[in-house]
């Protein structure tokens, strides 16, 4: 009985080692492990609304990648320019009475990264994404909260896509 448990443990460990080798061989990286260009070591974020949630999400994501985010553009080695951010809400479906059943939330972010004397490290890029959610006119308060959560999640996912685009410059 003890020998069977030992063999099973060896088989599980062997399987995990093989899986780890295969994942590393295909270039798999955990989220947050992609490295950003060295020029972005100290980054200033330039945006129309410097105190908005989009700037906060970018700052948090950059810090996760070991980038120092500064509020002084003079000490920065790079500037992340948020050129534009658009939010849309569209009706996807209605019932026979004309009441909304489903909405689609969309967001696009256009950004660029500049270094030194306005030299482009990353040309203007755009990332876009949309999410659908069901709506009920009888439960308005909870659906408003759900919309806020969907918007927040959508924005964070877009910021992560933008960070991946920046990391692609480093590789």
N, C-alpha and C. Protein backbone atom coordinates (compact mmCIF):
# COMPACT_ATOMS: atom_id res chain seq x y z
N UNK A 1 0.81 -1.19 0.00
CA UNK A 1 0.00 0.00 0.00
C UNK A 1 0.86 1.26 0.00
N UNK A 2 1.91 1.22 0.81
CA UNK A 2 2.80 2.36 0.90
C UNK A 2 3.55 2.56 -0.42
N UNK A 3 3.89 1.46 -1.06
CA UNK A 3 4.61 1.52 -2.34
C UNK A 3 3.73 2.14 -3.43
N UNK A 4 2.44 1.84 -3.42
CA UNK A 4 1.51 2.41 -4.41
C UNK A 4 1.42 3.93 -4.23
N UNK A 5 1.35 4.41 -2.98
CA UNK A 5 1.29 5.84 -2.72
C UNK A 5 2.57 6.54 -3.18
N UNK A 6 3.70 5.88 -2.96
CA UNK A 6 4.97 6.45 -3.38
C UNK A 6 5.03 6.54 -4.90
N UNK A 7 4.61 5.48 -5.59
CA UNK A 7 4.60 5.48 -7.05
C UNK A 7 3.65 6.55 -7.59
N UNK A 8 2.51 6.70 -6.95
CA UNK A 8 1.54 7.72 -7.37
C UNK A 8 2.13 9.12 -7.20
N UNK A 9 2.82 9.35 -6.09
CA UNK A 9 3.43 10.66 -5.83
C UNK A 9 4.52 10.95 -6.86
N UNK A 10 5.32 9.95 -7.19
CA UNK A 10 6.37 10.12 -8.20
C UNK A 10 5.74 10.43 -9.56
N UNK A 11 4.65 9.75 -9.90
CA UNK A 11 3.97 9.99 -11.17
C UNK A 11 3.42 11.41 -11.24
N UNK A 12 2.83 11.90 -10.16
CA UNK A 12 2.28 13.25 -10.13
C UNK A 12 3.39 14.28 -10.27
N UNK A 13 4.48 14.10 -9.54
CA UNK A 13 5.61 15.03 -9.63
C UNK A 13 6.19 15.02 -11.04
N UNK A 14 6.33 13.84 -11.63
CA UNK A 14 6.86 13.73 -13.00
C UNK A 14 5.95 14.45 -13.98
N UNK A 15 4.66 14.28 -13.82
CA UNK A 15 3.70 14.94 -14.70
C UNK A 15 3.79 16.45 -14.57
N UNK A 16 3.91 16.96 -13.35
CA UNK A 16 4.03 18.39 -13.13
C UNK A 16 5.32 18.95 -13.73
N UNK A 17 6.41 18.22 -13.60
CA UNK A 17 7.68 18.66 -14.19
C UNK A 17 7.56 18.70 -15.71
N UNK A 18 6.95 17.68 -16.31
CA UNK A 18 6.77 17.66 -17.77
C UNK A 18 5.90 18.82 -18.22
N UNK A 19 4.84 19.09 -17.49
CA UNK A 19 3.95 20.20 -17.82
C UNK A 19 4.69 21.53 -17.75
N UNK A 20 5.50 21.70 -16.72
CA UNK A 20 6.27 22.94 -16.57
C UNK A 20 7.26 23.11 -17.71
N UNK A 21 7.90 22.04 -18.12
CA UNK A 21 8.87 22.09 -19.22
C UNK A 21 8.15 22.45 -20.53
N UNK A 22 7.00 21.84 -20.76
CA UNK A 22 6.25 22.13 -21.99
C UNK A 22 5.77 23.58 -22.02
N UNK A 23 5.29 24.10 -20.89
CA UNK A 23 4.82 25.48 -20.86
C UNK A 23 5.96 26.46 -21.08
N UNK A 24 7.10 26.20 -20.49
CA UNK A 24 8.23 27.12 -20.68
C UNK A 24 8.78 27.02 -22.10
N UNK A 25 8.68 25.86 -22.72
CA UNK A 25 9.18 25.68 -24.08
C UNK A 25 8.32 26.43 -25.09
N UNK A 26 7.02 26.60 -24.82
CA UNK A 26 6.15 27.28 -25.78
C UNK A 26 6.15 28.79 -25.56
N UNK A 27 6.90 29.30 -24.60
CA UNK A 27 6.99 30.74 -24.37
C UNK A 27 5.94 31.28 -23.42
N UNK A 28 5.22 30.42 -22.73
CA UNK A 28 4.18 30.85 -21.81
C UNK A 28 4.78 31.66 -20.67
N UNK A 29 4.12 32.80 -20.36
CA UNK A 29 4.52 33.61 -19.22
C UNK A 29 3.28 33.95 -18.41
N UNK A 30 3.41 33.98 -17.10
CA UNK A 30 2.30 34.41 -16.27
C UNK A 30 2.04 35.89 -16.49
N UNK A 31 0.76 36.30 -16.34
CA UNK A 31 0.42 37.70 -16.50
C UNK A 31 1.23 38.52 -15.51
N UNK A 32 1.75 39.64 -15.99
CA UNK A 32 2.55 40.48 -15.12
C UNK A 32 4.03 40.15 -15.19
N UNK A 33 4.39 39.07 -15.88
CA UNK A 33 5.79 38.69 -15.93
C UNK A 33 6.49 39.20 -17.19
N UNK A 34 5.73 39.74 -18.15
CA UNK A 34 6.36 40.30 -19.35
C UNK A 34 7.09 41.58 -18.96
N UNK A 35 8.29 41.75 -19.48
CA UNK A 35 9.07 42.92 -19.10
C UNK A 35 8.83 44.06 -20.08
N UNK A 36 8.81 45.26 -19.54
CA UNK A 36 8.63 46.46 -20.35
C UNK A 36 9.99 46.98 -20.78
N UNK A 37 10.03 47.81 -21.82
CA UNK A 37 11.32 48.36 -22.28
C UNK A 37 12.04 49.09 -21.16
N UNK A 38 13.35 48.98 -21.13
CA UNK A 38 14.16 49.63 -20.10
C UNK A 38 13.99 51.14 -20.08
N UNK A 39 13.66 51.72 -21.24
CA UNK A 39 13.47 53.17 -21.32
C UNK A 39 12.28 53.63 -20.48
N UNK A 40 11.41 52.69 -20.11
CA UNK A 40 10.22 53.05 -19.34
C UNK A 40 10.43 52.90 -17.83
N UNK A 41 11.66 52.82 -17.39
CA UNK A 41 11.95 52.61 -15.96
C UNK A 41 11.29 53.65 -15.07
N UNK A 42 11.29 54.90 -15.52
CA UNK A 42 10.59 55.98 -14.80
C UNK A 42 9.65 56.62 -15.82
N UNK A 43 8.37 56.45 -15.61
CA UNK A 43 7.38 56.88 -16.61
C UNK A 43 6.42 57.92 -16.05
N UNK A 44 6.15 58.90 -16.88
CA UNK A 44 5.16 59.94 -16.59
C UNK A 44 3.93 59.64 -17.43
N UNK A 45 2.74 59.74 -16.85
CA UNK A 45 1.51 59.48 -17.60
C UNK A 45 0.85 60.81 -17.92
N UNK A 46 0.71 61.08 -19.21
CA UNK A 46 0.09 62.32 -19.68
C UNK A 46 -1.31 61.99 -20.19
N UNK A 47 -2.31 62.63 -19.60
CA UNK A 47 -3.70 62.37 -19.98
C UNK A 47 -4.53 63.63 -19.81
N UNK A 48 -5.66 63.66 -20.49
CA UNK A 48 -6.58 64.79 -20.36
C UNK A 48 -7.12 64.92 -18.96
N UNK A 49 -7.36 63.79 -18.29
CA UNK A 49 -7.84 63.77 -16.91
C UNK A 49 -6.80 63.02 -16.06
N UNK A 50 -5.83 63.75 -15.50
CA UNK A 50 -4.74 63.07 -14.78
C UNK A 50 -5.16 62.39 -13.48
N UNK A 51 -6.40 62.63 -13.03
CA UNK A 51 -6.85 62.03 -11.78
C UNK A 51 -7.95 60.99 -12.01
N UNK A 52 -8.14 60.58 -13.23
CA UNK A 52 -9.19 59.62 -13.55
C UNK A 52 -8.80 58.19 -13.26
N UNK A 53 -9.77 57.31 -13.36
CA UNK A 53 -9.53 55.90 -13.07
C UNK A 53 -8.63 55.26 -14.12
N UNK A 54 -8.65 55.77 -15.35
CA UNK A 54 -7.79 55.20 -16.39
C UNK A 54 -6.32 55.43 -16.06
N UNK A 55 -5.99 56.62 -15.63
CA UNK A 55 -4.60 56.93 -15.23
C UNK A 55 -4.21 56.07 -14.04
N UNK A 56 -5.11 55.94 -13.08
CA UNK A 56 -4.82 55.10 -11.90
C UNK A 56 -4.59 53.65 -12.30
N UNK A 57 -5.40 53.13 -13.23
CA UNK A 57 -5.22 51.74 -13.68
C UNK A 57 -3.89 51.56 -14.40
N UNK A 58 -3.51 52.52 -15.25
CA UNK A 58 -2.22 52.44 -15.93
C UNK A 58 -1.08 52.51 -14.92
N UNK A 59 -1.18 53.41 -13.95
CA UNK A 59 -0.12 53.54 -12.94
C UNK A 59 0.04 52.24 -12.15
N UNK A 60 -1.07 51.65 -11.77
CA UNK A 60 -1.03 50.39 -11.02
C UNK A 60 -0.40 49.27 -11.87
N UNK A 61 -0.79 49.20 -13.13
CA UNK A 61 -0.24 48.16 -14.01
C UNK A 61 1.26 48.37 -14.25
N UNK A 62 1.68 49.62 -14.41
CA UNK A 62 3.11 49.89 -14.61
C UNK A 62 3.91 49.53 -13.36
N UNK A 63 3.37 49.86 -12.20
CA UNK A 63 4.06 49.52 -10.95
C UNK A 63 4.18 48.01 -10.79
N UNK A 64 3.18 47.28 -11.24
CA UNK A 64 3.23 45.82 -11.19
C UNK A 64 4.40 45.29 -12.02
N UNK A 65 4.75 46.02 -13.07
CA UNK A 65 5.87 45.64 -13.94
C UNK A 65 7.16 46.33 -13.53
N UNK A 66 7.22 46.76 -12.26
CA UNK A 66 8.43 47.35 -11.67
C UNK A 66 8.86 48.65 -12.36
N UNK A 67 7.89 49.42 -12.82
CA UNK A 67 8.15 50.74 -13.40
C UNK A 67 7.80 51.79 -12.34
N UNK A 68 8.66 52.78 -12.19
CA UNK A 68 8.37 53.88 -11.28
C UNK A 68 7.53 54.90 -12.02
N UNK A 69 6.36 55.21 -11.48
CA UNK A 69 5.48 56.20 -12.09
C UNK A 69 5.70 57.52 -11.36
N UNK A 70 6.01 58.56 -12.13
CA UNK A 70 6.30 59.86 -11.55
C UNK A 70 5.25 60.89 -11.96
N UNK A 71 5.07 61.90 -11.12
CA UNK A 71 4.17 63.00 -11.44
C UNK A 71 4.94 64.18 -12.00
N UNK A 72 6.27 64.05 -12.09
CA UNK A 72 7.12 65.10 -12.63
C UNK A 72 7.65 64.66 -13.99
N UNK A 73 7.20 65.32 -15.03
CA UNK A 73 7.60 64.91 -16.39
C UNK A 73 9.10 65.11 -16.63
N UNK A 74 9.73 66.00 -15.87
CA UNK A 74 11.15 66.27 -16.06
C UNK A 74 12.05 65.12 -15.61
N UNK A 75 11.61 64.35 -14.60
CA UNK A 75 12.43 63.24 -14.11
C UNK A 75 12.12 61.92 -14.82
N UNK A 76 11.15 61.94 -15.71
CA UNK A 76 10.74 60.71 -16.40
C UNK A 76 11.68 60.37 -17.55
N UNK A 77 11.91 59.07 -17.73
CA UNK A 77 12.68 58.60 -18.89
C UNK A 77 11.76 58.29 -20.06
N UNK A 78 10.45 58.18 -19.78
CA UNK A 78 9.45 57.93 -20.83
C UNK A 78 8.14 58.58 -20.42
N UNK A 79 7.33 58.86 -21.43
CA UNK A 79 6.00 59.42 -21.19
C UNK A 79 4.97 58.54 -21.87
N UNK A 80 4.02 58.05 -21.09
CA UNK A 80 2.88 57.33 -21.64
C UNK A 80 1.81 58.37 -21.92
N UNK A 81 1.48 58.54 -23.19
CA UNK A 81 0.49 59.54 -23.59
C UNK A 81 -0.83 58.83 -23.86
N UNK A 82 -1.84 59.15 -23.07
CA UNK A 82 -3.18 58.63 -23.34
C UNK A 82 -3.84 59.65 -24.25
N UNK A 83 -3.91 59.29 -25.53
CA UNK A 83 -4.40 60.22 -26.55
C UNK A 83 -5.91 60.37 -26.48
N UNK A 84 -6.60 59.26 -26.32
CA UNK A 84 -8.05 59.30 -26.33
C UNK A 84 -8.61 58.06 -25.63
N UNK A 85 -9.75 58.23 -25.01
CA UNK A 85 -10.46 57.11 -24.40
C UNK A 85 -11.95 57.36 -24.63
N UNK A 86 -12.61 56.38 -25.24
CA UNK A 86 -14.04 56.53 -25.50
C UNK A 86 -14.82 55.39 -24.86
N UNK A 87 -15.97 55.73 -24.34
CA UNK A 87 -16.89 54.76 -23.73
C UNK A 87 -18.21 54.82 -24.49
N UNK A 88 -18.77 53.68 -24.83
CA UNK A 88 -20.05 53.63 -25.52
C UNK A 88 -20.96 52.61 -24.85
N UNK A 89 -22.25 52.88 -24.95
CA UNK A 89 -23.26 51.95 -24.43
C UNK A 89 -24.33 51.83 -25.51
N UNK A 90 -24.50 50.63 -26.04
CA UNK A 90 -25.45 50.39 -27.11
C UNK A 90 -26.48 49.36 -26.69
N UNK A 91 -27.69 49.51 -27.19
CA UNK A 91 -28.75 48.54 -26.95
C UNK A 91 -28.53 47.34 -27.88
N UNK A 92 -28.50 46.15 -27.32
CA UNK A 92 -28.34 44.94 -28.13
C UNK A 92 -29.67 44.28 -28.47
N UNK A 93 -30.59 44.27 -27.50
CA UNK A 93 -31.87 43.63 -27.76
C UNK A 93 -32.98 44.26 -26.93
N UNK A 94 -34.19 44.19 -27.47
CA UNK A 94 -35.37 44.69 -26.78
C UNK A 94 -36.45 43.62 -26.83
N UNK A 95 -37.42 43.71 -25.91
CA UNK A 95 -38.53 42.76 -25.94
C UNK A 95 -39.66 43.31 -26.82
N UNK A 96 -40.76 42.61 -26.86
CA UNK A 96 -41.89 43.00 -27.71
C UNK A 96 -42.50 44.34 -27.32
N UNK A 97 -42.35 44.74 -26.07
CA UNK A 97 -42.88 46.03 -25.60
C UNK A 97 -41.91 47.17 -25.82
N UNK A 98 -40.74 46.88 -26.36
CA UNK A 98 -39.73 47.92 -26.59
C UNK A 98 -38.84 48.18 -25.39
N UNK A 99 -38.93 47.34 -24.37
CA UNK A 99 -38.05 47.49 -23.20
C UNK A 99 -36.70 46.83 -23.48
N UNK A 100 -35.65 47.50 -23.01
CA UNK A 100 -34.29 47.00 -23.23
C UNK A 100 -34.06 45.72 -22.42
N UNK A 101 -33.50 44.72 -23.09
CA UNK A 101 -33.16 43.45 -22.42
C UNK A 101 -31.65 43.28 -22.25
N UNK A 102 -30.88 43.88 -23.15
CA UNK A 102 -29.44 43.64 -23.15
C UNK A 102 -28.71 44.86 -23.70
N UNK A 103 -27.59 45.21 -23.03
CA UNK A 103 -26.74 46.31 -23.47
C UNK A 103 -25.35 45.77 -23.82
N UNK A 104 -24.65 46.56 -24.65
CA UNK A 104 -23.25 46.28 -24.94
C UNK A 104 -22.44 47.51 -24.53
N UNK A 105 -21.44 47.32 -23.68
CA UNK A 105 -20.54 48.38 -23.27
C UNK A 105 -19.25 48.24 -24.06
N UNK A 106 -18.77 49.33 -24.64
CA UNK A 106 -17.55 49.31 -25.44
C UNK A 106 -16.61 50.40 -24.94
N UNK A 107 -15.32 50.12 -25.02
CA UNK A 107 -14.33 51.13 -24.67
C UNK A 107 -13.13 50.98 -25.60
N UNK A 108 -12.59 52.11 -26.00
CA UNK A 108 -11.36 52.14 -26.80
C UNK A 108 -10.38 53.09 -26.13
N UNK A 109 -9.13 52.71 -26.14
CA UNK A 109 -8.07 53.56 -25.59
C UNK A 109 -7.01 53.71 -26.67
N UNK A 110 -6.64 54.95 -26.95
CA UNK A 110 -5.56 55.22 -27.89
C UNK A 110 -4.40 55.80 -27.08
N UNK A 111 -3.21 55.24 -27.27
CA UNK A 111 -2.06 55.64 -26.45
C UNK A 111 -0.77 55.55 -27.26
N UNK A 112 0.27 56.19 -26.76
CA UNK A 112 1.60 56.13 -27.35
C UNK A 112 2.62 56.26 -26.23
N UNK A 113 3.85 55.86 -26.50
CA UNK A 113 4.93 56.02 -25.53
C UNK A 113 6.06 56.80 -26.21
N UNK A 114 6.47 57.86 -25.54
CA UNK A 114 7.54 58.71 -26.06
C UNK A 114 8.70 58.73 -25.08
N UNK A 115 9.90 58.85 -25.62
CA UNK A 115 11.10 58.96 -24.79
C UNK A 115 11.88 60.20 -25.23
N UNK A 116 12.73 60.67 -24.35
CA UNK A 116 13.61 61.79 -24.68
C UNK A 116 12.89 62.99 -25.25
N UNK A 117 13.44 63.55 -26.32
CA UNK A 117 12.88 64.74 -26.96
C UNK A 117 11.77 64.37 -27.93
N UNK A 118 10.69 63.82 -27.38
CA UNK A 118 9.50 63.46 -28.15
C UNK A 118 9.77 62.38 -29.21
N UNK A 119 10.75 61.52 -28.93
CA UNK A 119 11.05 60.39 -29.81
C UNK A 119 10.06 59.27 -29.49
N UNK A 120 9.48 58.69 -30.51
CA UNK A 120 8.45 57.68 -30.30
C UNK A 120 9.07 56.31 -30.02
N UNK A 121 8.79 55.77 -28.84
CA UNK A 121 9.17 54.39 -28.52
C UNK A 121 8.10 53.43 -29.02
N UNK A 122 6.85 53.88 -28.92
CA UNK A 122 5.71 53.10 -29.39
C UNK A 122 4.76 54.06 -30.09
N UNK A 123 4.58 53.85 -31.38
CA UNK A 123 3.68 54.70 -32.17
C UNK A 123 2.26 54.60 -31.60
N UNK A 124 1.40 55.57 -31.91
CA UNK A 124 0.03 55.50 -31.39
C UNK A 124 -0.63 54.16 -31.69
N UNK A 125 -1.18 53.58 -30.65
CA UNK A 125 -1.85 52.28 -30.71
C UNK A 125 -3.26 52.44 -30.21
N UNK A 126 -4.15 51.55 -30.62
CA UNK A 126 -5.51 51.56 -30.10
C UNK A 126 -5.89 50.16 -29.68
N UNK A 127 -6.46 50.06 -28.48
CA UNK A 127 -7.01 48.79 -28.01
C UNK A 127 -8.49 49.03 -27.74
N UNK A 128 -9.30 48.06 -28.15
CA UNK A 128 -10.75 48.17 -27.99
C UNK A 128 -11.31 46.85 -27.50
N UNK A 129 -12.40 46.96 -26.76
CA UNK A 129 -13.04 45.76 -26.24
C UNK A 129 -14.49 46.10 -25.92
N UNK A 130 -15.33 45.08 -25.92
CA UNK A 130 -16.73 45.29 -25.54
C UNK A 130 -17.22 44.11 -24.72
N UNK A 131 -18.22 44.38 -23.90
CA UNK A 131 -18.84 43.37 -23.05
C UNK A 131 -20.35 43.58 -23.09
N UNK A 132 -21.09 42.48 -23.04
CA UNK A 132 -22.55 42.51 -23.01
C UNK A 132 -23.02 42.22 -21.59
N UNK A 133 -24.17 42.78 -21.25
CA UNK A 133 -24.79 42.40 -19.99
C UNK A 133 -26.30 42.52 -20.11
N UNK A 134 -27.00 41.68 -19.36
CA UNK A 134 -28.45 41.66 -19.37
C UNK A 134 -28.98 42.79 -18.50
N UNK A 135 -30.13 43.35 -18.91
CA UNK A 135 -30.73 44.46 -18.18
C UNK A 135 -32.17 44.12 -17.83
N UNK A 136 -32.56 44.51 -16.63
CA UNK A 136 -33.93 44.29 -16.19
C UNK A 136 -34.47 45.60 -15.63
N UNK A 137 -35.57 46.10 -16.21
CA UNK A 137 -36.13 47.37 -15.76
C UNK A 137 -36.76 47.25 -14.38
N UNK A 138 -36.95 46.03 -13.89
CA UNK A 138 -37.51 45.84 -12.55
C UNK A 138 -36.45 45.83 -11.46
N UNK A 139 -35.19 45.77 -11.85
CA UNK A 139 -34.09 45.70 -10.89
C UNK A 139 -33.01 46.72 -11.25
N UNK A 140 -33.42 47.98 -11.35
CA UNK A 140 -32.56 49.03 -11.89
C UNK A 140 -31.30 49.26 -11.05
N UNK A 141 -31.41 49.31 -9.72
CA UNK A 141 -30.25 49.61 -8.89
C UNK A 141 -29.15 48.57 -9.02
N UNK A 142 -29.52 47.31 -8.98
CA UNK A 142 -28.48 46.28 -9.09
C UNK A 142 -27.89 46.24 -10.49
N UNK A 143 -28.69 46.56 -11.50
CA UNK A 143 -28.16 46.58 -12.87
C UNK A 143 -27.22 47.75 -13.09
N UNK A 144 -27.48 48.87 -12.41
CA UNK A 144 -26.55 50.00 -12.49
C UNK A 144 -25.22 49.63 -11.86
N UNK A 145 -25.27 48.91 -10.74
CA UNK A 145 -24.02 48.45 -10.10
C UNK A 145 -23.30 47.46 -11.00
N UNK A 146 -24.07 46.57 -11.63
CA UNK A 146 -23.46 45.60 -12.54
C UNK A 146 -22.79 46.31 -13.71
N UNK A 147 -23.42 47.34 -14.24
CA UNK A 147 -22.83 48.11 -15.33
C UNK A 147 -21.51 48.73 -14.89
N UNK A 148 -21.48 49.29 -13.69
CA UNK A 148 -20.25 49.91 -13.18
C UNK A 148 -19.14 48.87 -13.05
N UNK A 149 -19.47 47.67 -12.57
CA UNK A 149 -18.48 46.61 -12.42
C UNK A 149 -17.98 46.15 -13.79
N UNK A 150 -18.88 46.02 -14.75
CA UNK A 150 -18.50 45.60 -16.10
C UNK A 150 -17.58 46.66 -16.73
N UNK A 151 -17.92 47.94 -16.56
CA UNK A 151 -17.07 49.01 -17.10
C UNK A 151 -15.68 48.98 -16.47
N UNK A 152 -15.62 48.80 -15.16
CA UNK A 152 -14.33 48.78 -14.44
C UNK A 152 -13.47 47.60 -14.91
N UNK A 153 -14.09 46.43 -15.04
CA UNK A 153 -13.38 45.24 -15.50
C UNK A 153 -12.90 45.42 -16.94
N UNK A 154 -13.75 45.98 -17.77
CA UNK A 154 -13.41 46.23 -19.17
C UNK A 154 -12.19 47.15 -19.26
N UNK A 155 -12.19 48.22 -18.48
CA UNK A 155 -11.07 49.15 -18.51
C UNK A 155 -9.77 48.49 -18.04
N UNK A 156 -9.83 47.71 -16.99
CA UNK A 156 -8.62 47.03 -16.51
C UNK A 156 -8.08 46.05 -17.54
N UNK A 157 -8.96 45.35 -18.22
CA UNK A 157 -8.52 44.42 -19.27
C UNK A 157 -7.88 45.17 -20.44
N UNK A 158 -8.43 46.33 -20.78
CA UNK A 158 -7.83 47.14 -21.85
C UNK A 158 -6.45 47.65 -21.45
N UNK A 159 -6.30 48.06 -20.20
CA UNK A 159 -4.99 48.52 -19.72
C UNK A 159 -3.99 47.37 -19.81
N UNK A 160 -4.40 46.16 -19.44
CA UNK A 160 -3.51 45.00 -19.55
C UNK A 160 -3.12 44.73 -21.00
N UNK A 161 -4.06 44.89 -21.93
CA UNK A 161 -3.73 44.73 -23.36
C UNK A 161 -2.72 45.79 -23.79
N UNK A 162 -2.90 47.02 -23.32
CA UNK A 162 -1.96 48.09 -23.66
C UNK A 162 -0.57 47.79 -23.11
N UNK A 163 -0.51 47.27 -21.89
CA UNK A 163 0.78 46.91 -21.29
C UNK A 163 1.46 45.82 -22.10
N UNK A 164 0.68 44.85 -22.58
CA UNK A 164 1.26 43.80 -23.42
C UNK A 164 1.82 44.38 -24.73
N UNK A 165 1.16 45.38 -25.29
CA UNK A 165 1.69 46.04 -26.50
C UNK A 165 3.02 46.73 -26.19
N UNK A 166 3.09 47.36 -25.01
CA UNK A 166 4.34 48.01 -24.61
C UNK A 166 5.44 46.97 -24.40
N UNK A 167 5.08 45.84 -23.81
CA UNK A 167 6.08 44.79 -23.57
C UNK A 167 6.59 44.20 -24.88
N UNK A 168 5.76 44.20 -25.90
CA UNK A 168 6.18 43.65 -27.20
C UNK A 168 7.33 44.46 -27.79
N UNK A 169 7.41 45.74 -27.44
CA UNK A 169 8.52 46.58 -27.92
C UNK A 169 9.84 46.12 -27.32
N UNK A 170 9.77 45.64 -26.07
CA UNK A 170 11.00 45.19 -25.37
C UNK A 170 11.54 43.88 -25.93
N UNK A 171 10.67 43.08 -26.51
CA UNK A 171 11.10 41.74 -26.97
C UNK A 171 11.48 41.72 -28.42
